[in-house]
Protein backbone atom coordinates (compact mmCIF):
# COMPACT_ATOMS: atom_id res chain seq x y z
CA UNK A 1 86.27 92.46 85.52
CA UNK A 2 87.82 90.69 88.08
CA UNK A 3 88.14 92.75 91.69
CA UNK A 4 90.88 91.83 94.09
CA UNK A 5 90.13 93.69 97.02
CA UNK A 6 92.30 91.88 100.66
CA UNK A 7 89.27 90.91 102.98
CA UNK A 8 91.73 90.45 105.44
CA UNK A 9 95.35 91.64 106.26
CA UNK A 10 98.36 90.64 108.98
CA UNK A 11 101.82 92.11 109.89
CA UNK A 12 105.12 90.20 110.02
CA UNK A 13 108.51 91.25 110.76
CA UNK A 14 112.26 89.52 110.89
CA UNK A 15 115.67 89.25 110.60
CA UNK A 16 118.36 86.99 108.47
CA UNK A 17 122.50 86.28 108.86
CA UNK A 18 124.29 84.61 106.02
CA UNK A 19 127.31 84.95 103.94
CA UNK A 20 124.67 85.66 100.71
CA UNK A 21 122.65 88.93 100.71
CA UNK A 22 119.51 86.70 98.88
CA UNK A 23 119.84 84.09 101.12
CA UNK A 24 119.90 86.16 103.65
CA UNK A 25 116.96 87.95 103.09
CA UNK A 26 114.85 84.61 102.37
CA UNK A 27 115.98 84.25 106.15
CA UNK A 28 114.55 86.81 107.39
CA UNK A 29 111.08 85.91 105.57
CA UNK A 30 111.43 82.88 107.28
CA UNK A 31 111.72 84.54 110.20
CA UNK A 32 108.76 86.62 108.74
CA UNK A 33 107.02 83.43 108.56
CA UNK A 34 106.22 84.40 105.18
CA UNK A 35 108.75 82.26 102.86
CA UNK A 36 105.92 79.79 101.39
CA UNK A 37 104.83 82.35 99.48
CA UNK A 38 105.50 84.08 95.70
CA UNK A 39 105.46 87.33 97.71
CA UNK A 40 103.78 90.50 94.88
CA UNK A 41 104.37 94.51 96.45
CA UNK A 42 101.43 96.58 95.85
CA UNK A 43 101.42 100.38 96.48
CA UNK A 44 100.03 101.74 98.79
CA UNK A 45 95.91 101.51 100.24
CA UNK A 46 94.34 100.36 103.18
CA UNK A 47 90.83 98.68 101.73
CA UNK A 48 88.02 99.49 103.46
CA UNK A 49 86.58 97.31 105.89
CA UNK A 50 89.49 95.52 105.49
CA UNK A 51 89.96 93.63 109.23
CA UNK A 52 93.44 93.36 110.81
CA UNK A 53 94.78 89.58 112.26
CA UNK A 54 97.74 88.60 114.02
CA UNK A 55 100.74 87.85 113.07
CA UNK A 56 99.06 83.93 113.44
CA UNK A 57 96.00 83.44 112.28
CA UNK A 58 97.52 84.63 109.02
CA UNK A 59 100.94 82.04 108.59
CA UNK A 60 98.08 79.78 109.06
CA UNK A 61 96.16 80.45 105.67
CA UNK A 62 99.15 81.17 103.65
CA UNK A 63 99.41 77.73 101.38
CA UNK A 64 103.22 76.77 99.99
CA UNK A 65 103.77 78.94 96.37
CA UNK A 66 100.32 80.86 97.06
CA UNK A 67 100.86 84.70 95.04
CA UNK A 68 100.86 87.22 97.86
CA UNK A 69 100.06 90.84 98.01
CA UNK A 70 102.63 92.46 100.30
CA UNK A 71 104.09 95.66 101.27
CA UNK A 72 106.94 95.31 102.20
CA UNK A 73 109.67 97.32 103.97
CA UNK A 74 113.07 95.97 103.72
CA UNK A 75 117.45 97.24 104.41
CA UNK A 76 120.59 95.24 104.08
CA UNK A 77 124.10 95.36 104.92
CA UNK A 78 127.05 93.08 105.33
CA UNK A 79 129.10 96.42 107.43
CA UNK A 80 129.58 95.20 110.69
CA UNK A 81 127.52 96.87 113.08
CA UNK A 82 125.72 99.03 110.93
CA UNK A 83 122.15 99.32 112.18
CA UNK A 84 119.17 98.83 110.25
CA UNK A 85 116.05 98.76 109.98
CA UNK A 86 112.21 98.22 108.13
CA UNK A 87 108.99 99.63 108.88
CA UNK A 88 105.63 99.30 108.18
CA UNK A 89 103.03 102.48 108.72
CA UNK A 90 99.37 102.12 109.15
CA UNK A 91 96.22 105.27 109.24
CA UNK A 92 92.73 104.59 108.47
CA UNK A 93 90.16 107.03 109.52
CA UNK A 94 88.48 105.61 112.06
CA UNK A 95 84.97 105.32 109.13
CA UNK A 96 85.60 101.63 108.90
CA UNK A 97 83.92 101.87 105.51
CA UNK A 98 86.57 104.59 104.41
CA UNK A 99 90.50 103.28 102.48
CA UNK A 100 93.47 104.11 104.80
CA UNK A 101 97.26 104.07 103.76
CA UNK A 102 100.38 101.79 104.16
CA UNK A 103 104.14 103.56 104.36
CA UNK A 104 107.11 101.55 103.87
CA UNK A 105 109.99 103.66 106.25
CA UNK A 106 113.60 101.72 106.06
CA UNK A 107 116.14 103.62 106.66
CA UNK A 108 120.63 102.64 108.14
CA UNK A 109 120.99 104.35 111.49
CA UNK A 110 117.73 104.28 113.27
CA UNK A 111 116.27 102.46 115.85
CA UNK A 112 113.33 100.18 115.37
CA UNK A 113 111.42 102.57 117.56
CA UNK A 114 112.72 106.22 115.61
CA UNK A 115 111.58 104.31 112.27
CA UNK A 116 107.99 102.48 113.28
CA UNK A 117 106.71 106.07 114.88
CA UNK A 118 108.34 107.76 110.75
CA UNK A 119 105.99 104.91 108.69
CA UNK A 120 103.47 105.59 110.73
CA UNK A 121 103.72 109.58 111.21
CA UNK A 122 104.46 109.11 106.96
CA UNK A 123 101.67 107.17 106.82
CA UNK A 124 99.04 109.52 108.48
CA UNK A 125 100.29 112.15 106.01
CA UNK A 126 100.22 110.42 102.87
CA UNK A 127 96.26 109.53 104.30
CA UNK A 128 95.84 113.65 104.79
CA UNK A 129 96.34 114.51 101.68
CA UNK A 130 94.66 112.48 99.65
CA UNK A 131 91.71 113.60 101.68
CA UNK A 132 92.81 117.75 100.83
CA UNK A 133 93.74 118.42 105.06
CA UNK A 134 97.47 119.56 105.67
CA UNK A 135 98.81 117.63 108.45
CA UNK A 136 101.82 118.09 111.00
CA UNK A 137 102.90 114.76 112.72
CA UNK A 138 103.86 116.26 115.98
CA UNK A 139 100.34 119.04 116.10
CA UNK A 140 98.14 115.91 115.11
CA UNK A 141 98.75 113.68 117.55
CA UNK A 142 96.39 112.69 120.63
CA UNK A 143 98.48 110.40 122.82
CA UNK A 144 96.33 110.10 125.52
CA UNK A 145 93.54 109.08 122.90
CA UNK A 146 96.37 107.88 120.79
CA UNK A 147 94.87 108.53 117.05
CA UNK A 148 95.87 111.54 115.21
CA UNK A 149 93.07 114.18 115.58
CA UNK A 150 92.73 117.16 112.44
CA UNK A 151 89.91 118.99 112.37
CA UNK A 152 87.18 116.72 112.41
CA UNK A 153 88.62 113.82 111.25
CA UNK A 154 90.26 110.54 113.16
CA UNK A 155 92.99 108.89 112.40
CA UNK A 156 94.15 105.34 114.09
CA UNK A 157 98.14 104.24 113.33
CA UNK A 158 99.53 101.96 113.84
CA UNK A 159 103.36 100.50 112.67
CA UNK A 160 105.75 97.08 112.49
CA UNK A 161 109.56 97.43 112.79
CA UNK A 162 112.18 95.14 112.91
CA UNK A 163 116.44 96.64 112.80
CA UNK A 164 119.21 94.83 113.59
CA UNK A 165 123.10 95.35 113.39
CA UNK A 166 125.20 93.83 110.63
CA UNK A 167 126.61 90.55 111.65
CA UNK A 168 129.98 91.35 113.91
CA UNK A 169 131.12 89.02 111.11
CA UNK A 170 130.46 90.72 107.99
CA UNK A 171 127.98 87.56 106.71
CA UNK A 172 124.78 90.09 105.42
CA UNK A 173 122.36 91.04 107.35
CA UNK A 174 118.67 91.95 105.99
CA UNK A 175 115.08 93.67 108.14
CA UNK A 176 112.64 93.06 105.89
CA UNK A 177 108.94 94.05 107.25
CA UNK A 178 105.22 93.73 105.81
CA UNK A 179 101.89 94.11 105.65
CA UNK A 180 100.54 90.88 104.03
CA UNK A 181 96.82 90.61 102.30
CA UNK A 182 93.93 88.47 102.13
CA UNK A 183 91.93 87.72 99.95
CA UNK A 184 89.56 85.62 101.54
């Protein structure tokens, strides 16, 4: 049995505008720097001991046509000035030997900050539930330490988000945020 467990991961985001919906998605992928890959969407587990690298480091590892695993959030509109957003949130235990959770969130009418914060809270809540812990993001977040604390458990979190207003001329507008997983 072959185990496919990512060793590294990076975050990216993008926006695209075009008269065709699919091409606006392609342009958002280009903006994010991952348009050369065959993307396979996966669910939400952040592997133990997985190293987070920069977008620039990650993009250098990609090859045209490469099968690439991503957790992706995306939203699109062709309504002028309609605010859309997409975000990826990550919550991982301070103990890097344990797995974490990745969440995706997309919305209408939310700012980049609101969408990113929600994605982080969602990831932390999902991680806590797998550990049998009830988490209230409003009370568990320690602003000074910048982590979630629930009992003796501590989670580090982060997010990446992108928002945009629908193009003024009614072109399709697509936003996306991705956690891109690398096997090597």
